[in-house]
Amino acid sequence: MVRWIERVRLMHPSLHLLTQSLFDHRAAAQLSPGQWDLVIRLARRADVLGRMASTIGRHGAMAKLPVEVTRHLRSSMLLADRQHEEIRHEVRRLQGLFAPMQLPLILLKGAAYVIGELDAGHGRMVSDIDILVPRDRLADAESALMRAGWVSTKSDAYDQHYYRTWMHELPPLRHMRRGTVLDVHHALVPLTGSLASGSDAILAAAVPVPGWANVRTLAPADMVLHSAAHLFTEGE
């Protein structure tokens, strides 16, 4: 980690300020007003301002920062908290939808971090909900979701064919009333990619979330592998 941050410092000074402030609350406390102006704009653009605020707040360092800075940080935390409450609300609805089908609700990425109360979820901005469904139950899940008000965001026949033939997920779904976006995966990476593999072992290793009946997340090791694969195949 130290060598990686040093390389970032030499190649991208402004990005170095962001990563240093994101991981080290003591470094954040040393920023000048001008540096804070840059860091806040970069963090907001990268959707990590809430994450930074959470790290600084958990270390009790918020009081050491200028009032103008804390306003932005506290605002980002309020937004993240609001999103997390919406995630919990949607997961409860999905939980009730999947249980009668005897189909576990397996959460991925941001929703998994938030519902699992993991450190990676603190202050995290979540734009949609990602779930993993066994491929042989994909039709059952899609039918149940459509009856519950979820509709495809892709109406073009080409897009539908592309997703269903080559990709690792259905075309994104959006709820007609609430506007929430749901990505239903049957694999973790695109089927045409060099990293493509079956999901049986990953599904079998999924772990229950305490306090959430029928809700699971990937095993910790699989979470790390999924995050790495997502970075390599989708660039974020």
Protein backbone atom coordinates (compact mmCIF):
# COMPACT_ATOMS: atom_id res chain seq x y z
CA MET A 1 0.00 0.00 0.00
CA VAL A 2 2.79 2.45 0.91
CA ARG A 3 4.64 1.83 -2.38
CA TRP A 4 1.41 2.24 -4.35
CA ILE A 5 0.59 5.56 -2.66
CA GLU A 6 4.15 6.81 -3.30
CA ARG A 7 3.80 5.96 -6.99
CA VAL A 8 0.50 7.86 -7.13
CA ARG A 9 2.18 10.85 -5.43
CA LEU A 10 4.85 11.04 -8.12
CA MET A 11 2.53 10.54 -11.09
CA HIS A 12 -0.63 12.39 -10.00
CA PRO A 13 -0.09 14.94 -7.18
CA SER A 14 -3.78 15.88 -6.94
CA LEU A 15 -4.85 12.23 -6.86
CA HIS A 16 -2.25 11.64 -4.15
CA LEU A 17 -3.90 14.30 -1.99
CA LEU A 18 -7.23 12.52 -2.41
CA THR A 19 -5.97 9.01 -1.62
CA GLN A 20 -3.91 10.22 1.33
CA SER A 21 -6.88 12.07 2.81
CA LEU A 22 -9.13 9.09 2.17
CA PHE A 23 -6.94 6.64 4.07
CA ASP A 24 -5.22 8.85 6.66
CA HIS A 25 -7.28 11.22 8.83
CA ARG A 26 -4.07 12.79 10.15
CA ALA A 27 -3.00 13.78 6.65
CA ALA A 28 -6.45 15.25 6.03
CA ALA A 29 -6.06 17.50 9.08
CA GLN A 30 -2.91 19.01 7.54
CA LEU A 31 -4.47 20.13 4.26
CA SER A 32 -4.54 23.82 3.39
CA PRO A 33 -7.83 25.51 2.37
CA GLY A 34 -6.74 25.38 -1.27
CA GLN A 35 -5.92 21.69 -1.04
CA TRP A 36 -9.26 21.00 0.63
CA ASP A 37 -11.04 22.75 -2.22
CA LEU A 38 -9.36 20.37 -4.68
CA VAL A 39 -9.81 17.25 -2.54
CA ILE A 40 -13.52 17.86 -1.92
CA ARG A 41 -14.20 18.34 -5.63
CA LEU A 42 -12.25 15.21 -6.55
CA ALA A 43 -13.85 13.14 -3.80
CA ARG A 44 -17.34 14.24 -4.77
CA ARG A 45 -16.64 13.43 -8.43
CA ALA A 46 -15.37 9.96 -7.44
CA ASP A 47 -18.28 9.36 -5.01
CA VAL A 48 -15.92 8.86 -2.06
CA LEU A 49 -16.59 12.04 -0.10
CA GLY A 50 -18.92 10.18 2.26
CA ARG A 51 -16.30 7.49 2.73
CA MET A 52 -13.70 10.11 3.59
CA ALA A 53 -16.09 11.81 6.02
CA SER A 54 -16.79 8.48 7.71
CA THR A 55 -13.08 7.73 8.18
CA ILE A 56 -12.38 11.19 9.59
CA GLY A 57 -15.44 11.06 11.84
CA ARG A 58 -14.69 7.59 13.24
CA HIS A 59 -11.25 8.82 14.31
CA GLY A 60 -12.71 11.88 16.03
CA ALA A 61 -10.82 14.22 13.73
CA MET A 62 -13.75 16.26 12.40
CA ALA A 63 -13.26 18.99 15.03
CA LYS A 64 -9.72 19.61 13.75
CA LEU A 65 -10.95 20.68 10.33
CA PRO A 66 -12.19 24.09 9.12
CA VAL A 67 -15.93 24.63 9.55
CA GLU A 68 -16.32 25.14 5.80
CA VAL A 69 -14.84 21.69 5.20
CA THR A 70 -16.93 19.92 7.83
CA ARG A 71 -20.11 21.26 6.24
CA HIS A 72 -19.29 19.39 3.04
CA LEU A 73 -18.26 16.25 4.92
CA ARG A 74 -21.34 16.16 7.15
CA SER A 75 -23.59 16.78 4.15
CA SER A 76 -22.03 13.83 2.32
CA MET A 77 -22.59 11.62 5.36
CA LEU A 78 -26.26 12.61 5.51
CA LEU A 79 -26.62 11.71 1.84
CA ALA A 80 -24.90 8.35 2.33
CA ASP A 81 -27.05 7.59 5.39
CA ARG A 82 -30.17 8.38 3.37
CA GLN A 83 -29.08 6.05 0.59
CA HIS A 84 -28.31 3.30 3.09
CA GLU A 85 -31.81 3.57 4.55
CA GLU A 86 -33.25 3.28 1.05
CA ILE A 87 -31.09 0.21 0.44
CA ARG A 88 -32.38 -1.42 3.64
CA HIS A 89 -35.96 -0.63 2.61
CA GLU A 90 -35.52 -2.19 -0.84
CA VAL A 91 -33.72 -5.26 0.52
CA ARG A 92 -36.61 -5.89 2.92
CA ARG A 93 -38.98 -5.85 -0.06
CA LEU A 94 -36.75 -8.17 -2.08
CA GLN A 95 -36.39 -10.40 0.96
CA GLY A 96 -40.17 -10.89 1.07
CA LEU A 97 -40.29 -11.48 -2.68
CA PHE A 98 -37.57 -14.15 -2.80
CA ALA A 99 -38.47 -16.13 0.34
CA PRO A 100 -41.66 -17.78 -1.06
CA MET A 101 -39.61 -19.01 -4.05
CA GLN A 102 -37.09 -20.65 -1.68
CA LEU A 103 -34.48 -18.53 -3.41
CA PRO A 104 -31.83 -16.88 -1.23
CA LEU A 105 -31.29 -13.17 -1.76
CA ILE A 106 -27.54 -12.88 -2.37
CA LEU A 107 -26.33 -9.28 -2.27
CA LEU A 108 -23.27 -7.98 -4.10
CA LYS A 109 -21.04 -4.92 -3.81
CA GLY A 110 -22.43 -1.82 -2.10
CA ALA A 111 -25.70 -3.37 -0.93
CA ALA A 112 -23.76 -6.27 0.60
CA TYR A 113 -21.42 -3.91 2.44
CA VAL A 114 -24.31 -1.84 3.81
CA ILE A 115 -26.60 -4.71 4.85
CA GLY A 116 -23.65 -6.71 6.20
CA GLU A 117 -22.53 -3.62 8.17
CA LEU A 118 -18.99 -4.00 6.84
CA ASP A 119 -16.33 -1.31 7.10
CA ALA A 120 -16.38 -0.97 3.32
CA GLY A 121 -19.97 0.26 3.59
CA HIS A 122 -19.25 3.19 5.91
CA GLY A 123 -20.08 6.39 4.05
CA ARG A 124 -20.33 4.52 0.75
CA MET A 125 -22.52 5.94 -2.00
CA VAL A 126 -24.68 3.23 -3.59
CA SER A 127 -26.27 3.98 -6.96
CA ASP A 128 -28.07 0.65 -7.39
CA ILE A 129 -28.62 -2.77 -5.83
CA ASP A 130 -26.76 -5.80 -7.19
CA ILE A 131 -27.89 -9.36 -6.51
CA LEU A 132 -26.69 -12.80 -7.61
CA VAL A 133 -29.14 -15.50 -8.72
CA PRO A 134 -28.39 -19.06 -9.91
CA ARG A 135 -28.65 -19.09 -13.69
CA ASP A 136 -31.23 -21.88 -13.65
CA ARG A 137 -33.49 -19.71 -11.43
CA LEU A 138 -33.02 -16.52 -13.43
CA ALA A 139 -36.40 -16.77 -15.18
CA ASP A 140 -38.19 -17.34 -11.86
CA ALA A 141 -36.52 -14.32 -10.30
CA GLU A 142 -37.18 -12.07 -13.30
CA SER A 143 -40.86 -13.04 -13.46
CA ALA A 144 -41.36 -12.37 -9.75
CA LEU A 145 -39.60 -9.03 -9.99
CA MET A 146 -41.68 -7.92 -12.97
CA ARG A 147 -44.89 -8.82 -11.15
CA ALA A 148 -43.65 -6.68 -8.24
CA GLY A 149 -43.22 -3.60 -10.44
CA TRP A 150 -39.67 -3.91 -11.77
CA VAL A 151 -39.25 -3.16 -15.49
CA SER A 152 -36.29 -3.38 -17.84
CA THR A 153 -34.44 -0.16 -18.63
CA LYS A 154 -33.47 -1.56 -22.05
CA SER A 155 -36.34 -1.67 -24.56
CA ASP A 156 -34.18 -2.16 -27.65
CA ALA A 157 -34.16 -5.74 -28.98
CA TYR A 158 -30.42 -5.58 -29.64
CA ASP A 159 -29.66 -4.55 -26.05
CA GLN A 160 -31.88 -7.30 -24.69
CA HIS A 161 -30.14 -9.90 -26.86
CA TYR A 162 -26.70 -8.56 -25.96
CA TYR A 163 -27.27 -8.75 -22.21
CA ARG A 164 -29.01 -12.12 -22.23
CA THR A 165 -26.54 -13.81 -24.57
CA TRP A 166 -23.16 -12.36 -23.67
CA MET A 167 -23.32 -10.63 -20.33
CA HIS A 168 -23.26 -11.80 -16.71
CA GLU A 169 -26.49 -10.03 -15.79
CA LEU A 170 -29.95 -9.15 -17.01
CA PRO A 171 -30.54 -5.69 -18.46
CA PRO A 172 -30.85 -3.32 -15.46
CA LEU A 173 -34.30 -3.17 -13.87
CA ARG A 174 -35.97 -0.06 -12.47
CA HIS A 175 -38.93 -0.02 -10.12
CA MET A 176 -41.88 1.79 -11.70
CA ARG A 177 -42.83 3.74 -8.57
CA ARG A 178 -39.71 4.04 -6.45
CA GLY A 179 -37.18 4.46 -9.26
CA THR A 180 -34.64 2.14 -7.62
CA VAL A 181 -32.27 0.38 -10.04
CA LEU A 182 -31.60 -3.35 -9.64
CA ASP A 183 -28.88 -5.39 -11.38
CA VAL A 184 -29.64 -9.12 -11.41
CA HIS A 185 -26.44 -11.11 -11.94
CA HIS A 186 -26.08 -14.82 -12.69
CA ALA A 187 -22.25 -14.60 -12.80
CA LEU A 188 -19.65 -12.17 -11.51
CA VAL A 189 -17.95 -11.29 -14.81
CA PRO A 190 -19.11 -11.22 -18.46
CA LEU A 191 -19.47 -14.64 -20.04
CA THR A 192 -17.17 -13.68 -22.91
CA GLY A 193 -14.34 -12.46 -20.66
CA SER A 194 -11.10 -14.29 -20.01
CA LEU A 195 -11.98 -14.44 -16.29
CA ALA A 196 -15.40 -16.04 -16.86
CA SER A 197 -16.18 -19.08 -14.73
CA GLY A 198 -19.17 -20.83 -13.21
CA SER A 199 -20.87 -19.44 -10.12
CA ASP A 200 -21.80 -22.70 -8.37
CA ALA A 201 -18.94 -22.62 -5.86
CA ILE A 202 -19.49 -18.93 -5.12
CA LEU A 203 -23.21 -19.44 -4.57
CA ALA A 204 -22.56 -22.41 -2.29
CA ALA A 205 -20.07 -20.42 -0.20
CA ALA A 206 -22.38 -17.40 0.31
CA VAL A 207 -22.81 -16.55 3.99
CA PRO A 208 -26.02 -15.56 5.86
CA VAL A 209 -26.38 -11.99 7.10
CA PRO A 210 -27.21 -11.94 10.84
CA GLY A 211 -30.67 -10.50 11.44
CA TRP A 212 -31.71 -10.81 7.79
CA ALA A 213 -33.54 -14.08 7.11
CA ASN A 214 -32.80 -15.59 3.69
CA VAL A 215 -30.31 -12.78 2.88
CA ARG A 216 -26.69 -13.64 2.12
CA THR A 217 -23.49 -12.03 0.92
CA LEU A 218 -20.46 -13.51 -0.80
CA ALA A 219 -17.85 -15.12 1.40
CA PRO A 220 -15.13 -12.57 2.35
CA ALA A 221 -12.56 -14.06 -0.05
CA ASP A 222 -15.08 -14.03 -2.89
CA MET A 223 -15.91 -10.38 -2.13
CA VAL A 224 -12.26 -9.47 -2.64
CA LEU A 225 -12.01 -11.50 -5.84
CA HIS A 226 -15.22 -9.94 -7.18
CA SER A 227 -13.94 -6.45 -6.43
CA ALA A 228 -10.64 -7.19 -8.19
CA ALA A 229 -12.37 -8.77 -11.19
CA HIS A 230 -14.70 -5.77 -11.46
CA LEU A 231 -11.70 -3.44 -11.47
CA PHE A 232 -9.92 -5.41 -14.19
CA THR A 233 -12.95 -5.92 -16.44
CA GLU A 234 -14.93 -2.69 -15.96
CA GLY A 235 -12.28 -0.21 -14.83
CA GLU A 236 -13.78 0.88 -11.50
